[in-house]
């Protein structure tokens, strides 16, 4: 279970359940995907990134 994951370095993982209905199979258009406020991390950017809420100010967005 991810909630109990703790590596030797002491990193702690927090997981929360967000109740609600989340439909599967939804297609995202190219325009919707481009509008995502995403900052890729320097280490392994294809897997490590932060998604910012709409309206968040960040000059380092890629």
Protein backbone atom coordinates (compact mmCIF):
# COMPACT_ATOMS: atom_id res chain seq x y z
CA UNK A 1 0.00 0.00 0.00
CA UNK A 2 1.48 3.39 -1.03
CA UNK A 3 0.48 5.05 2.24
CA UNK A 4 2.92 2.80 4.13
CA UNK A 5 5.86 3.41 1.77
CA UNK A 6 8.95 4.89 3.43
CA UNK A 7 12.40 4.59 1.80
CA UNK A 8 15.64 4.60 3.77
CA UNK A 9 16.11 8.33 3.13
CA UNK A 10 13.09 9.12 5.31
CA UNK A 11 10.75 10.34 2.56
CA UNK A 12 7.14 10.09 3.67
CA UNK A 13 4.30 9.55 1.22
CA UNK A 14 0.80 10.89 1.84
CA UNK A 15 -2.21 9.51 -0.03
CA UNK A 16 -5.75 10.80 0.18
CA UNK A 17 -9.00 9.47 -1.21
CA UNK A 18 -10.89 12.04 -3.27
CA UNK A 19 -14.49 10.80 -3.40
CA UNK A 20 -16.40 11.45 -6.55
CA UNK A 21 -17.25 10.08 -9.96
CA UNK A 22 -14.34 10.01 -12.38
CA UNK A 23 -15.40 8.80 -15.82
CA UNK A 24 -12.95 6.60 -17.71
CA UNK A 25 -12.17 6.73 -21.40
CA UNK A 26 -12.38 10.52 -21.66
CA UNK A 27 -10.34 11.88 -24.55
CA UNK A 28 -8.26 15.01 -23.98
CA UNK A 29 -7.87 17.34 -26.98
CA UNK A 30 -4.47 18.75 -27.95
CA UNK A 31 -5.67 22.21 -26.84
CA UNK A 32 -6.76 20.90 -23.41
CA UNK A 33 -3.44 19.11 -22.94
CA UNK A 34 -1.47 22.21 -23.93
CA UNK A 35 -3.43 24.26 -21.36
CA UNK A 36 -2.20 22.06 -18.48
CA UNK A 37 0.14 24.09 -16.27
CA UNK A 38 2.99 21.61 -16.01
CA UNK A 39 6.54 22.02 -14.68
CA UNK A 40 8.86 19.14 -15.50
CA UNK A 41 11.54 18.31 -12.95
CA UNK A 42 15.20 18.27 -13.91
CA UNK A 43 15.60 14.62 -12.88
CA UNK A 44 13.70 12.27 -15.20
CA UNK A 45 11.30 14.94 -16.56
CA UNK A 46 9.11 12.44 -18.43
CA UNK A 47 8.10 10.91 -15.07
CA UNK A 48 8.67 13.70 -12.55
CA UNK A 49 6.55 16.81 -12.89
CA UNK A 50 4.26 19.13 -10.98
CA UNK A 51 0.79 20.03 -12.25
CA UNK A 52 -0.23 23.51 -11.08
CA UNK A 53 -3.83 24.65 -10.58
CA UNK A 54 -5.32 26.92 -13.21
CA UNK A 55 -4.35 30.51 -12.47
CA UNK A 56 -1.17 29.56 -10.58
CA UNK A 57 1.73 31.89 -11.33
CA UNK A 58 4.98 30.17 -12.27
CA UNK A 59 7.54 31.58 -14.70
CA UNK A 60 9.31 28.21 -15.07
CA UNK A 61 6.47 26.37 -16.80
CA UNK A 62 7.49 24.26 -19.80
